[in-house]
C-alpha atoms as a PDB file:
ATOM      1  CA  UNK A   1      -0.046   0.137   0.519  1.00  0.00           C
ATOM      2  CA  UNK A   2       2.288   2.361   0.806  1.00  0.00           C
ATOM      3  CA  UNK A   3       4.266   2.110  -3.194  1.00  0.00           C
ATOM      4  CA  UNK A   4      -0.138   2.359  -4.065  1.00  0.00           C
ATOM      5  CA  UNK A   5       0.242   5.753  -1.639  1.00  0.00           C
ATOM      6  CA  UNK A   6       3.192   7.358  -2.738  1.00  0.00           C
ATOM      7  CA  UNK A   7       3.094   7.052  -6.752  1.00  0.00           C
ATOM      8  CA  UNK A   8      -0.775   8.332  -6.398  1.00  0.00           C
ATOM      9  CA  UNK A   9       1.134  11.219  -4.618  1.00  0.00           C
ATOM     10  CA  UNK A  10       4.134  11.617  -7.427  1.00  0.00           C
ATOM     11  CA  UNK A  11       0.376  12.473  -9.779  1.00  0.00           C
ATOM     12  CA  UNK A  12      -1.625  14.096  -7.965  1.00  0.00           C
ATOM     13  CA  UNK A  13       1.325  16.478  -7.707  1.00  0.00           C
ATOM     14  CA  UNK A  14       2.269  16.192 -10.703  1.00  0.00           C
ATOM     15  CA  UNK A  15       4.941  14.349 -11.417  1.00  0.00           C
ATOM     16  CA  UNK A  16       3.506  12.394 -13.991  1.00  0.00           C
ATOM     17  CA  UNK A  17       1.134  14.546 -15.357  1.00  0.00           C
ATOM     18  CA  UNK A  18      -1.929  13.544 -17.679  1.00  0.00           C
ATOM     19  CA  UNK A  19      -1.024  11.649 -21.156  1.00  0.00           C
ATOM     20  CA  UNK A  20       2.657  10.997 -19.431  1.00  0.00           C
ATOM     21  CA  UNK A  21       3.804   7.773 -20.097  1.00  0.00           C
ATOM     22  CA  UNK A  22       4.784   5.636 -16.047  1.00  0.00           C
ATOM     23  CA  UNK A  23       8.224   3.915 -15.643  1.00  0.00           C
ATOM     24  CA  UNK A  24       7.629   0.016 -16.261  1.00  0.00           C
ATOM     25  CA  UNK A  25       7.049  -1.897 -13.091  1.00  0.00           C
ATOM     26  CA  UNK A  26      10.564  -3.244 -13.452  1.00  0.00           C
ATOM     27  CA  UNK A  27      11.752   0.244 -13.002  1.00  0.00           C
ATOM     28  CA  UNK A  28       9.218   1.167  -9.943  1.00  0.00           C
ATOM     29  CA  UNK A  29      10.307  -2.707  -8.272  1.00  0.00           C
ATOM     30  CA  UNK A  30      14.557  -1.468  -8.384  1.00  0.00           C
ATOM     31  CA  UNK A  31      13.364   2.084  -6.746  1.00  0.00           C
ATOM     32  CA  UNK A  32      10.708   1.443  -4.095  1.00  0.00           C
ATOM     33  CA  UNK A  33      12.635  -2.817  -3.335  1.00  0.00           C
ATOM     34  CA  UNK A  34      10.304  -4.279  -3.793  1.00  0.00           C
ATOM     35  CA  UNK A  35       8.686  -7.464  -5.985  1.00  0.00           C
ATOM     36  CA  UNK A  36       6.854  -6.464  -9.217  1.00  0.00           C
ATOM     37  CA  UNK A  37       3.651  -8.125  -8.025  1.00  0.00           C
ATOM     38  CA  UNK A  38       3.532  -4.985  -5.129  1.00  0.00           C
ATOM     39  CA  UNK A  39       3.989  -2.853  -8.578  1.00  0.00           C
ATOM     40  CA  UNK A  40       1.104  -4.401 -10.333  1.00  0.00           C
ATOM     41  CA  UNK A  41      -0.847  -4.498  -7.097  1.00  0.00           C
ATOM     42  CA  UNK A  42      -0.606  -0.901  -7.092  1.00  0.00           C
ATOM     43  CA  UNK A  43      -0.765  -0.742 -10.855  1.00  0.00           C
ATOM     44  CA  UNK A  44      -3.950  -2.578 -10.491  1.00  0.00           C
ATOM     45  CA  UNK A  45      -5.612  -0.081  -7.379  1.00  0.00           C
ATOM     46  CA  UNK A  46      -4.917   3.322  -9.970  1.00  0.00           C
ATOM     47  CA  UNK A  47      -6.474   1.554 -13.350  1.00  0.00           C
ATOM     48  CA  UNK A  48      -9.660   0.754 -10.310  1.00  0.00           C
ATOM     49  CA  UNK A  49      -9.524   4.484  -9.272  1.00  0.00           C
ATOM     50  CA  UNK A  50      -9.269   5.667 -12.747  1.00  0.00           C
ATOM     51  CA  UNK A  51      -5.747   7.106 -11.995  1.00  0.00           C
ATOM     52  CA  UNK A  52      -3.892   5.339 -14.955  1.00  0.00           C
ATOM     53  CA  UNK A  53      -4.552   3.011 -18.420  1.00  0.00           C
ATOM     54  CA  UNK A  54      -2.792   0.156 -19.246  1.00  0.00           C
ATOM     55  CA  UNK A  55      -1.915  -0.713 -23.207  1.00  0.00           C
ATOM     56  CA  UNK A  56      -0.648  -3.766 -23.611  1.00  0.00           C
ATOM     57  CA  UNK A  57       2.612  -3.328 -25.784  1.00  0.00           C
ATOM     58  CA  UNK A  58       3.301   0.557 -25.446  1.00  0.00           C
ATOM     59  CA  UNK A  59       2.988   0.840 -21.556  1.00  0.00           C
ATOM     60  CA  UNK A  60       0.851   2.438 -18.670  1.00  0.00           C
ATOM     61  CA  UNK A  61      -0.501   6.486 -18.998  1.00  0.00           C
ATOM     62  CA  UNK A  62      -1.661   8.870 -16.766  1.00  0.00           C
ATOM     63  CA  UNK A  63      -5.354  10.193 -17.061  1.00  0.00           C
ATOM     64  CA  UNK A  64      -6.442  13.264 -16.210  1.00  0.00           C
ATOM     65  CA  UNK A  65      -7.053  12.954 -11.830  1.00  0.00           C
ATOM     66  CA  UNK A  66     -10.773  11.902 -11.440  1.00  0.00           C
ATOM     67  CA  UNK A  67     -13.274  14.358 -10.211  1.00  0.00           C
ATOM     68  CA  UNK A  68     -13.978  13.665  -6.531  1.00  0.00           C
ATOM     69  CA  UNK A  69     -16.607  14.963  -4.455  1.00  0.00           C
ATOM     70  CA  UNK A  70     -15.242  17.762  -3.202  1.00  0.00           C
ATOM     71  CA  UNK A  71     -13.038  17.664   0.478  1.00  0.00           C
ATOM     72  CA  UNK A  72     -11.937  21.115   2.382  1.00  0.00           C
ATOM     73  CA  UNK A  73      -8.627  21.007   3.102  1.00  0.00           C
ATOM     74  CA  UNK A  74      -6.143  23.910   4.162  1.00  0.00           C
ATOM     75  CA  UNK A  75      -1.880  22.935   4.916  1.00  0.00           C
ATOM     76  CA  UNK A  76      -0.190  23.523   8.144  1.00  0.00           C
ATOM     77  CA  UNK A  77       4.218  23.886   7.624  1.00  0.00           C
ATOM     78  CA  UNK A  78       5.684  24.430  11.122  1.00  0.00           C
ATOM     79  CA  UNK A  79       9.095  25.045  11.375  1.00  0.00           C
ATOM     80  CA  UNK A  80       9.411  22.150  13.382  1.00  0.00           C
ATOM     81  CA  UNK A  81       7.746  20.075  15.993  1.00  0.00           C
ATOM     82  CA  UNK A  82       8.414  19.475  20.018  1.00  0.00           C
ATOM     83  CA  UNK A  83       6.584  19.677  23.133  1.00  0.00           C
ATOM     84  CA  UNK A  84       8.036  22.832  23.562  1.00  0.00           C
ATOM     85  CA  UNK A  85       6.479  25.129  20.896  1.00  0.00           C
ATOM     86  CA  UNK A  86       4.888  23.268  18.041  1.00  0.00           C
ATOM     87  CA  UNK A  87       2.976  20.050  19.215  1.00  0.00           C
ATOM     88  CA  UNK A  88      -0.115  21.184  20.023  1.00  0.00           C
ATOM     89  CA  UNK A  89      -0.637  23.649  17.615  1.00  0.00           C
ATOM     90  CA  UNK A  90      -0.642  20.878  15.551  1.00  0.00           C
ATOM     91  CA  UNK A  91      -3.490  19.778  17.044  1.00  0.00           C
ATOM     92  CA  UNK A  92      -5.790  22.580  17.522  1.00  0.00           C
ATOM     93  CA  UNK A  93      -5.653  23.749  14.766  1.00  0.00           C
ATOM     94  CA  UNK A  94      -6.767  19.740  13.458  1.00  0.00           C
ATOM     95  CA  UNK A  95      -9.420  19.542  15.942  1.00  0.00           C
ATOM     96  CA  UNK A  96     -11.142  23.051  14.760  1.00  0.00           C
ATOM     97  CA  UNK A  97     -10.524  21.926  11.054  1.00  0.00           C
ATOM     98  CA  UNK A  98     -12.609  18.792  11.453  1.00  0.00           C
ATOM     99  CA  UNK A  99     -15.067  20.812  13.436  1.00  0.00           C
ATOM    100  CA  UNK A 100     -15.561  22.277  10.871  1.00  0.00           C
ATOM    101  CA  UNK A 101     -15.223  19.892   8.662  1.00  0.00           C
ATOM    102  CA  UNK A 102     -11.980  20.701   6.663  1.00  0.00           C
ATOM    103  CA  UNK A 103      -9.051  17.994   6.005  1.00  0.00           C
ATOM    104  CA  UNK A 104      -5.383  19.443   6.895  1.00  0.00           C
ATOM    105  CA  UNK A 105      -1.980  18.062   5.587  1.00  0.00           C
ATOM    106  CA  UNK A 106       0.599  19.126   7.702  1.00  0.00           C
ATOM    107  CA  UNK A 107       4.510  19.330   6.498  1.00  0.00           C
ATOM    108  CA  UNK A 108       7.587  20.355   8.863  1.00  0.00           C
ATOM    109  CA  UNK A 109      10.232  22.795   7.291  1.00  0.00           C
ATOM    110  CA  UNK A 110      13.054  21.385   9.710  1.00  0.00           C
ATOM    111  CA  UNK A 111      13.194  25.789  10.009  1.00  0.00           C
ATOM    112  CA  UNK A 112      14.791  24.998   6.459  1.00  0.00           C
ATOM    113  CA  UNK A 113      13.750  28.088   3.556  1.00  0.00           C
ATOM    114  CA  UNK A 114      14.239  25.513   1.130  1.00  0.00           C
ATOM    115  CA  UNK A 115      12.082  22.400   2.797  1.00  0.00           C
ATOM    116  CA  UNK A 116       9.616  25.739   3.792  1.00  0.00           C
ATOM    117  CA  UNK A 117       9.425  26.385  -0.263  1.00  0.00           C
ATOM    118  CA  UNK A 118       8.648  22.479  -0.833  1.00  0.00           C
ATOM    119  CA  UNK A 119       6.607  23.115   0.661  1.00  0.00           C
ATOM    120  CA  UNK A 120       4.681  25.425   0.281  1.00  0.00           C
ATOM    121  CA  UNK A 121       4.518  24.034  -3.018  1.00  0.00           C
ATOM    122  CA  UNK A 122       2.952  20.722  -2.586  1.00  0.00           C
ATOM    123  CA  UNK A 123       0.695  22.268  -1.184  1.00  0.00           C
ATOM    124  CA  UNK A 124      -0.283  24.429  -3.576  1.00  0.00           C
ATOM    125  CA  UNK A 125      -0.338  21.921  -6.378  1.00  0.00           C
ATOM    126  CA  UNK A 126      -2.671  19.802  -4.077  1.00  0.00           C
ATOM    127  CA  UNK A 127      -5.154  22.048  -4.155  1.00  0.00           C
ATOM    128  CA  UNK A 128      -5.534  23.275  -0.827  1.00  0.00           C
ATOM    129  CA  UNK A 129      -7.478  26.840  -0.057  1.00  0.00           C
ATOM    130  CA  UNK A 130      -5.090  27.989   2.329  1.00  0.00           C
ATOM    131  CA  UNK A 131      -1.855  27.548   4.708  1.00  0.00           C
ATOM    132  CA  UNK A 132      -1.316  27.879   8.514  1.00  0.00           C
ATOM    133  CA  UNK A 133       2.804  29.015   8.597  1.00  0.00           C
ATOM    134  CA  UNK A 134       5.249  28.918  10.911  1.00  0.00           C
ATOM    135  CA  UNK A 135       8.175  30.587   8.700  1.00  0.00           C
ATOM    136  CA  UNK A 136      11.442  29.673   9.687  1.00  0.00           C
ATOM    137  CA  UNK A 137      14.474  31.748  10.818  1.00  0.00           C
ATOM    138  CA  UNK A 138      15.778  33.596   7.555  1.00  0.00           C
ATOM    139  CA  UNK A 139      17.220  36.807   6.307  1.00  0.00           C
ATOM    140  CA  UNK A 140      15.008  37.532   4.293  1.00  0.00           C
ATOM    141  CA  UNK A 141      11.281  36.229   3.356  1.00  0.00           C
ATOM    142  CA  UNK A 142       9.726  33.604   1.497  1.00  0.00           C
ATOM    143  CA  UNK A 143       9.650  34.579  -2.090  1.00  0.00           C
ATOM    144  CA  UNK A 144       7.074  31.702  -2.975  1.00  0.00           C
ATOM    145  CA  UNK A 145       4.840  32.708   0.167  1.00  0.00           C
ATOM    146  CA  UNK A 146       4.854  36.671  -0.429  1.00  0.00           C
ATOM    147  CA  UNK A 147       4.067  35.490  -4.381  1.00  0.00           C
ATOM    148  CA  UNK A 148       1.262  33.677  -2.816  1.00  0.00           C
ATOM    149  CA  UNK A 149       0.086  36.943  -0.636  1.00  0.00           C
ATOM    150  CA  UNK A 150       0.112  39.189  -3.604  1.00  0.00           C
ATOM    151  CA  UNK A 151      -2.296  36.265  -5.488  1.00  0.00           C
ATOM    152  CA  UNK A 152      -4.726  37.262  -2.386  1.00  0.00           C
ATOM    153  CA  UNK A 153      -3.438  33.568  -1.634  1.00  0.00           C
ATOM    154  CA  UNK A 154      -5.033  32.389   1.872  1.00  0.00           C
ATOM    155  CA  UNK A 155      -2.310  33.112   4.530  1.00  0.00           C
ATOM    156  CA  UNK A 156      -2.038  32.946   8.705  1.00  0.00           C
ATOM    157  CA  UNK A 157       0.827  33.409   9.806  1.00  0.00           C
ATOM    158  CA  UNK A 158       1.696  31.803  13.647  1.00  0.00           C
ATOM    159  CA  UNK A 159       4.796  32.834  16.194  1.00  0.00           C
ATOM    160  CA  UNK A 160       6.025  35.718  12.884  1.00  0.00           C
ATOM    161  CA  UNK A 161       4.394  38.656  11.386  1.00  0.00           C
ATOM    162  CA  UNK A 162       5.742  40.191   8.391  1.00  0.00           C
ATOM    163  CA  UNK A 163       6.535  43.661   8.207  1.00  0.00           C
ATOM    164  CA  UNK A 164       5.236  45.835   5.651  1.00  0.00           C
ATOM    165  CA  UNK A 165       2.886  43.819   4.637  1.00  0.00           C
ATOM    166  CA  UNK A 166      -0.944  43.261   5.532  1.00  0.00           C
ATOM    167  CA  UNK A 167      -0.271  39.194   6.021  1.00  0.00           C
ATOM    168  CA  UNK A 168      -2.665  37.576   9.391  1.00  0.00           C
ATOM    169  CA  UNK A 169      -0.819  35.992  11.882  1.00  0.00           C
ATOM    170  CA  UNK A 170      -1.845  34.822  15.713  1.00  0.00           C
ATOM    171  CA  UNK A 171       1.037  34.473  18.304  1.00  0.00           C
ATOM    172  CA  UNK A 172       2.293  35.492  21.804  1.00  0.00           C
ATOM    173  CA  UNK A 173       2.479  39.312  22.497  1.00  0.00           C
ATOM    174  CA  UNK A 174       5.874  39.051  22.628  1.00  0.00           C
ATOM    175  CA  UNK A 175       6.784  42.789  23.312  1.00  0.00           C
ATOM    176  CA  UNK A 176       5.022  41.848  26.532  1.00  0.00           C
ATOM    177  CA  UNK A 177       5.529  38.792  27.427  1.00  0.00           C
ATOM    178  CA  UNK A 178       9.463  40.247  28.348  1.00  0.00           C
ATOM    179  CA  UNK A 179       8.539  42.983  29.212  1.00  0.00           C
ATOM    180  CA  UNK A 180       6.702  41.137  32.041  1.00  0.00           C
ATOM    181  CA  UNK A 181       9.680  38.425  32.647  1.00  0.00           C
ATOM    182  CA  UNK A 182      12.440  40.714  33.042  1.00  0.00           C
ATOM    183  CA  UNK A 183       9.877  43.206  35.448  1.00  0.00           C
ATOM    184  CA  UNK A 184       9.623  39.588  37.380  1.00  0.00           C
ATOM    185  CA  UNK A 185      13.496  39.590  37.555  1.00  0.00           C
ATOM    186  CA  UNK A 186      13.341  43.287  38.676  1.00  0.00           C
ATOM    187  CA  UNK A 187      11.108  43.062  41.496  1.00  0.00           C
ATOM    188  CA  UNK A 188      13.590  39.960  42.486  1.00  0.00           C
ATOM    189  CA  UNK A 189      16.015  42.435  43.261  1.00  0.00           C
ATOM    190  CA  UNK A 190      17.835  41.631  39.937  1.00  0.00           C
ATOM    191  CA  UNK A 191      19.072  44.332  38.246  1.00  0.00           C
ATOM    192  CA  UNK A 192      22.175  42.182  35.908  1.00  0.00           C
ATOM    193  CA  UNK A 193      20.206  40.793  33.471  1.00  0.00           C
ATOM    194  CA  UNK A 194      21.711  38.342  30.767  1.00  0.00           C
ATOM    195  CA  UNK A 195      19.556  38.099  27.631  1.00  0.00           C
ATOM    196  CA  UNK A 196      20.064  34.748  25.043  1.00  0.00           C
ATOM    197  CA  UNK A 197      18.391  34.558  21.436  1.00  0.00           C
ATOM    198  CA  UNK A 198      19.022  33.616  17.882  1.00  0.00           C
ATOM    199  CA  UNK A 199      20.048  36.586  15.589  1.00  0.00           C
ATOM    200  CA  UNK A 200      16.895  38.433  15.041  1.00  0.00           C
ATOM    201  CA  UNK A 201      17.310  38.821  11.372  1.00  0.00           C
ATOM    202  CA  UNK A 202      13.429  39.446   9.810  1.00  0.00           C
ATOM    203  CA  UNK A 203      12.164  36.770  13.152  1.00  0.00           C
ATOM    204  CA  UNK A 204       9.544  39.405  14.705  1.00  0.00           C
ATOM    205  CA  UNK A 205       9.093  37.107  18.041  1.00  0.00           C
ATOM    206  CA  UNK A 206      13.009  37.099  18.450  1.00  0.00           C
ATOM    207  CA  UNK A 207      12.563  40.818  17.450  1.00  0.00           C
ATOM    208  CA  UNK A 208       9.928  41.979  20.077  1.00  0.00           C
ATOM    209  CA  UNK A 209      11.202  39.719  22.531  1.00  0.00           C
ATOM    210  CA  UNK A 210      14.530  41.531  22.732  1.00  0.00           C
ATOM    211  CA  UNK A 211      13.065  45.062  21.808  1.00  0.00           C
ATOM    212  CA  UNK A 212       9.862  44.465  25.512  1.00  0.00           C
ATOM    213  CA  UNK A 213      13.604  43.418  27.434  1.00  0.00           C
ATOM    214  CA  UNK A 214      15.432  46.456  26.330  1.00  0.00           C
ATOM    215  CA  UNK A 215      12.573  48.698  27.429  1.00  0.00           C
ATOM    216  CA  UNK A 216      12.158  48.066  30.674  1.00  0.00           C
ATOM    217  CA  UNK A 217      15.693  49.422  31.366  1.00  0.00           C
ATOM    218  CA  UNK A 218      14.616  52.742  29.800  1.00  0.00           C
ATOM    219  CA  UNK A 219      11.230  52.002  31.685  1.00  0.00           C
ATOM    220  CA  UNK A 220      12.737  51.560  34.804  1.00  0.00           C
ATOM    221  CA  UNK A 221      15.786  54.577  34.256  1.00  0.00           C
ATOM    222  CA  UNK A 222      17.913  50.827  34.717  1.00  0.00           C
ATOM    223  CA  UNK A 223      21.096  51.842  33.407  1.00  0.00           C
ATOM    224  CA  UNK A 224      21.677  50.917  30.168  1.00  0.00           C
ATOM    225  CA  UNK A 225      25.246  49.364  30.751  1.00  0.00           C
ATOM    226  CA  UNK A 226      23.549  46.622  33.777  1.00  0.00           C
ATOM    227  CA  UNK A 227      22.042  44.563  30.694  1.00  0.00           C
ATOM    228  CA  UNK A 228      23.382  42.743  28.172  1.00  0.00           C
ATOM    229  CA  UNK A 229      22.604  40.423  25.051  1.00  0.00           C
ATOM    230  CA  UNK A 230      24.270  36.921  22.860  1.00  0.00           C
ATOM    231  CA  UNK A 231      22.331  37.143  19.936  1.00  0.00           C
ATOM    232  CA  UNK A 232      24.443  34.841  17.921  1.00  0.00           C
ATOM    233  CA  UNK A 233      22.854  31.149  18.851  1.00  0.00           C
ATOM    234  CA  UNK A 234      22.972  29.541  15.514  1.00  0.00           C
ATOM    235  CA  UNK A 235      21.206  26.573  16.519  1.00  0.00           C
ATOM    236  CA  UNK A 236      17.666  27.209  16.421  1.00  0.00           C
ATOM    237  CA  UNK A 237      18.757  27.990  12.886  1.00  0.00           C
ATOM    238  CA  UNK A 238      20.860  24.719  12.216  1.00  0.00           C
ATOM    239  CA  UNK A 239      18.105  21.824  13.116  1.00  0.00           C
ATOM    240  CA  UNK A 240      20.540  18.805  14.610  1.00  0.00           C
ATOM    241  CA  UNK A 241      23.687  19.951  13.597  1.00  0.00           C
ATOM    242  CA  UNK A 242      25.981  19.539  16.104  1.00  0.00           C
ATOM    243  CA  UNK A 243      29.209  21.034  15.412  1.00  0.00           C
ATOM    244  CA  UNK A 244      26.620  24.498  14.974  1.00  0.00           C
ATOM    245  CA  UNK A 245      25.589  23.304  18.177  1.00  0.00           C
ATOM    246  CA  UNK A 246      28.754  22.406  19.907  1.00  0.00           C
ATOM    247  CA  UNK A 247      29.720  26.452  18.796  1.00  0.00           C
ATOM    248  CA  UNK A 248      27.314  27.691  20.494  1.00  0.00           C
ATOM    249  CA  UNK A 249      27.587  26.368  23.731  1.00  0.00           C
ATOM    250  CA  UNK A 250      31.369  27.888  23.839  1.00  0.00           C
ATOM    251  CA  UNK A 251      30.356  31.014  22.446  1.00  0.00           C
ATOM    252  CA  UNK A 252      27.855  30.842  25.780  1.00  0.00           C
ATOM    253  CA  UNK A 253      30.745  29.888  28.378  1.00  0.00           C
ATOM    254  CA  UNK A 254      32.506  32.610  27.171  1.00  0.00           C
ATOM    255  CA  UNK A 255      29.523  35.517  26.988  1.00  0.00           C
ATOM    256  CA  UNK A 256      29.677  35.167  30.340  1.00  0.00           C
ATOM    257  CA  UNK A 257      32.831  34.411  30.906  1.00  0.00           C
ATOM    258  CA  UNK A 258      32.929  38.397  29.479  1.00  0.00           C
ATOM    259  CA  UNK A 259      30.024  39.012  32.019  1.00  0.00           C
ATOM    260  CA  UNK A 260      30.868  38.509  35.555  1.00  0.00           C
ATOM    261  CA  UNK A 261      28.466  39.921  37.405  1.00  0.00           C
ATOM    262  CA  UNK A 262      25.295  38.692  35.709  1.00  0.00           C
ATOM    263  CA  UNK A 263      22.910  37.343  38.338  1.00  0.00           C
ATOM    264  CA  UNK A 264      19.862  36.245  36.146  1.00  0.00           C
ATOM    265  CA  UNK A 265      19.621  35.388  32.150  1.00  0.00           C
ATOM    266  CA  UNK A 266      16.290  35.144  29.416  1.00  0.00           C
ATOM    267  CA  UNK A 267      16.550  32.582  27.527  1.00  0.00           C
ATOM    268  CA  UNK A 268      14.220  33.526  24.165  1.00  0.00           C
ATOM    269  CA  UNK A 269      13.774  29.966  23.536  1.00  0.00           C
ATOM    270  CA  UNK A 270      13.489  25.749  24.712  1.00  0.00           C
ATOM    271  CA  UNK A 271      16.431  25.725  22.399  1.00  0.00           C
ATOM    272  CA  UNK A 272      18.681  28.029  23.320  1.00  0.00           C
ATOM    273  CA  UNK A 273      17.928  27.297  27.176  1.00  0.00           C
ATOM    274  CA  UNK A 274      19.201  23.336  26.637  1.00  0.00           C
ATOM    275  CA  UNK A 275      22.365  24.795  25.315  1.00  0.00           C
ATOM    276  CA  UNK A 276      22.249  27.411  27.787  1.00  0.00           C
ATOM    277  CA  UNK A 277      22.299  24.127  30.620  1.00  0.00           C
ATOM    278  CA  UNK A 278      24.909  22.455  28.974  1.00  0.00           C
ATOM    279  CA  UNK A 279      26.949  25.326  28.707  1.00  0.00           C
ATOM    280  CA  UNK A 280      26.651  26.456  32.540  1.00  0.00           C
ATOM    281  CA  UNK A 281      27.088  22.690  33.549  1.00  0.00           C
ATOM    282  CA  UNK A 282      30.684  22.577  32.096  1.00  0.00           C
ATOM    283  CA  UNK A 283      31.959  25.839  33.557  1.00  0.00           C
ATOM    284  CA  UNK A 284      30.678  24.683  36.630  1.00  0.00           C
ATOM    285  CA  UNK A 285      27.725  26.666  37.392  1.00  0.00           C
ATOM    286  CA  UNK A 286      24.105  25.806  38.187  1.00  0.00           C
ATOM    287  CA  UNK A 287      20.533  26.882  38.732  1.00  0.00           C
ATOM    288  CA  UNK A 288      19.860  28.799  40.850  1.00  0.00           C
ATOM    289  CA  UNK A 289      22.392  29.339  42.710  1.00  0.00           C
ATOM    290  CA  UNK A 290      24.736  31.188  39.911  1.00  0.00           C
ATOM    291  CA  UNK A 291      22.581  32.766  38.350  1.00  0.00           C
ATOM    292  CA  UNK A 292      18.460  33.023  37.714  1.00  0.00           C
ATOM    293  CA  UNK A 293      16.550  31.597  35.070  1.00  0.00           C
ATOM    294  CA  UNK A 294      13.414  32.682  32.529  1.00  0.00           C
ATOM    295  CA  UNK A 295      13.084  30.741  29.677  1.00  0.00           C
ATOM    296  CA  UNK A 296      10.393  31.143  26.795  1.00  0.00           C
ATOM    297  CA  UNK A 297       8.088  28.360  25.718  1.00  0.00           C
ATOM    298  CA  UNK A 298       6.468  25.230  27.670  1.00  0.00           C
ATOM    299  CA  UNK A 299       9.187  21.628  28.193  1.00  0.00           C
ATOM    300  CA  UNK A 300       8.966  18.702  29.338  1.00  0.00           C
ATOM    301  CA  UNK A 301      12.520  16.959  30.563  1.00  0.00           C
ATOM    302  CA  UNK A 302      13.440  14.237  32.753  1.00  0.00           C
ATOM    303  CA  UNK A 303      16.676  16.365  33.234  1.00  0.00           C
ATOM    304  CA  UNK A 304      15.737  19.599  34.011  1.00  0.00           C
ATOM    305  CA  UNK A 305      14.298  21.288  36.952  1.00  0.00           C
ATOM    306  CA  UNK A 306      11.268  23.197  36.902  1.00  0.00           C
ATOM    307  CA  UNK A 307      12.248  25.942  34.784  1.00  0.00           C
ATOM    308  CA  UNK A 308      10.031  29.691  35.838  1.00  0.00           C
ATOM    309  CA  UNK A 309       9.032  30.493  31.747  1.00  0.00           C
ATOM    310  CA  UNK A 310       6.394  32.118  29.568  1.00  0.00           C
ATOM    311  CA  UNK A 311       3.705  30.223  28.887  1.00  0.00           C
ATOM    312  CA  UNK A 312       2.422  30.220  25.822  1.00  0.00           C
ATOM    313  CA  UNK A 313      -0.962  28.690  24.933  1.00  0.00           C
ATOM    314  CA  UNK A 314      -0.799  27.365  21.040  1.00  0.00           C
ATOM    315  CA  UNK A 315      -3.481  25.920  21.370  1.00  0.00           C
ATOM    316  CA  UNK A 316      -4.962  29.324  22.073  1.00  0.00           C
ATOM    317  CA  UNK A 317      -3.290  30.662  18.531  1.00  0.00           C
ATOM    318  CA  UNK A 318      -4.016  26.960  16.751  1.00  0.00           C
ATOM    319  CA  UNK A 319      -7.816  26.939  17.111  1.00  0.00           C
ATOM    320  CA  UNK A 320      -7.564  31.372  16.088  1.00  0.00           C
ATOM    321  CA  UNK A 321      -5.254  30.589  13.114  1.00  0.00           C
ATOM    322  CA  UNK A 322      -7.967  28.240  11.030  1.00  0.00           C
ATOM    323  CA  UNK A 323      -9.894  30.805  12.368  1.00  0.00           C
ATOM    324  CA  UNK A 324      -8.559  33.555  10.421  1.00  0.00           C
ATOM    325  CA  UNK A 325      -7.567  31.424   7.891  1.00  0.00           C
ATOM    326  CA  UNK A 326     -11.409  30.302   7.516  1.00  0.00           C
ATOM    327  CA  UNK A 327     -11.700  34.100   7.409  1.00  0.00           C
ATOM    328  CA  UNK A 328      -9.801  34.768   4.397  1.00  0.00           C
ATOM    329  CA  UNK A 329     -10.753  32.113   2.875  1.00  0.00           C
ATOM    330  CA  UNK A 330     -14.885  33.901   2.938  1.00  0.00           C
ATOM    331  CA  UNK A 331     -13.418  37.461   2.441  1.00  0.00           C
ATOM    332  CA  UNK A 332     -14.039  38.617   5.794  1.00  0.00           C
ATOM    333  CA  UNK A 333     -12.147  41.467   7.004  1.00  0.00           C
ATOM    334  CA  UNK A 334      -9.997  39.617  10.104  1.00  0.00           C
ATOM    335  CA  UNK A 335      -7.372  41.857  11.900  1.00  0.00           C
ATOM    336  CA  UNK A 336      -4.003  42.044  10.125  1.00  0.00           C
ATOM    337  CA  UNK A 337      -2.107  40.635  14.185  1.00  0.00           C
ATOM    338  CA  UNK A 338      -3.884  38.593  16.877  1.00  0.00           C
ATOM    339  CA  UNK A 339      -1.861  38.498  19.937  1.00  0.00           C
ATOM    340  CA  UNK A 340      -3.051  35.788  22.152  1.00  0.00           C
ATOM    341  CA  UNK A 341      -2.645  35.839  26.805  1.00  0.00           C
ATOM    342  CA  UNK A 342       0.943  33.590  27.502  1.00  0.00           C
ATOM    343  CA  UNK A 343       1.440  33.544  31.759  1.00  0.00           C
ATOM    344  CA  UNK A 344       4.585  33.577  33.542  1.00  0.00           C
ATOM    345  CA  UNK A 345       5.200  30.434  35.578  1.00  0.00           C
ATOM    346  CA  UNK A 346       7.003  29.497  38.898  1.00  0.00           C
ATOM    347  CA  UNK A 347       9.483  27.338  38.600  1.00  0.00           C
ATOM    348  CA  UNK A 348      12.884  26.881  40.370  1.00  0.00           C
ATOM    349  CA  UNK A 349      15.011  28.625  38.282  1.00  0.00           C
ATOM    350  CA  UNK A 350      15.466  31.871  40.218  1.00  0.00           C
ATOM    351  CA  UNK A 351      16.541  33.110  44.317  1.00  0.00           C
ATOM    352  CA  UNK A 352      15.043  36.010  45.488  1.00  0.00           C
ATOM    353  CA  UNK A 353      18.097  38.774  46.018  1.00  0.00           C
ATOM    354  CA  UNK A 354      15.963  40.702  47.741  1.00  0.00           C
END
């Protein structure tokens, strides 16, 4: 059945257009490492459903894709799937879509611009009515996504927004969340605070968190030289690259060594927190004895203590993202930037200096 489904998907997505001749049974068998009998069964199913016709002595030809009862379908593209961020958005979108009679096709871009572009093109070729997407960290906006927007194709962004483009977006109010985290540390007596994140270029969530953090020093009239920012952590841009992760740990160790007066740290996301904890362990420091720590994103870990963190309501983000996409498909007027409330969850990763 897997071979049948793969060939069928390739026909639907246009790899084998109507009128083209398919590879021979032997060629397919070698491609999929299966027997010719398996290929023959797959061809019989495809013929029965009207996807192909077989002419003795000539080969197997692709027919026009058979008409089916219309099924409402949308696409969902996320940078990655993890408990810390992504998983609950996926389940919320699927649940909300099902309640409205929609199917969801999910794609994981693994934070790669190339994979993201491929996912967008595949979904559009499949015929989805709209796309919910968490754009990848990138120096530039995805050109394919921008072109779709100008064609008035329904798009909703999650956890990001594109400055200068009227594309609906749903996310946590990252600016206010960072302000709340910083004020929380001020109230505990911390003034010398470090903020760790990936490069913020065209990643609105990171930029907003950084801006919220620095704004609180101005609002509270704190000395600007009391805060320090490390914004060169590259691992969130390089999924599962051990060399990049190792480099990031060394960069964090140097940052901490260069700023020995820091008493508290804010991590912009869970992947940065993991690197930070490794760096602290390697230099013999602990949380909260040496540093108080607050992070963004929920998490599930048997190796980390309960960390004070910003809880982002992923289920609400997913639900509102689908409702917003549905309104966009129906050409109803929707807000371009929708913020979902957050909660600051206290853990065991801080100590008061007062």
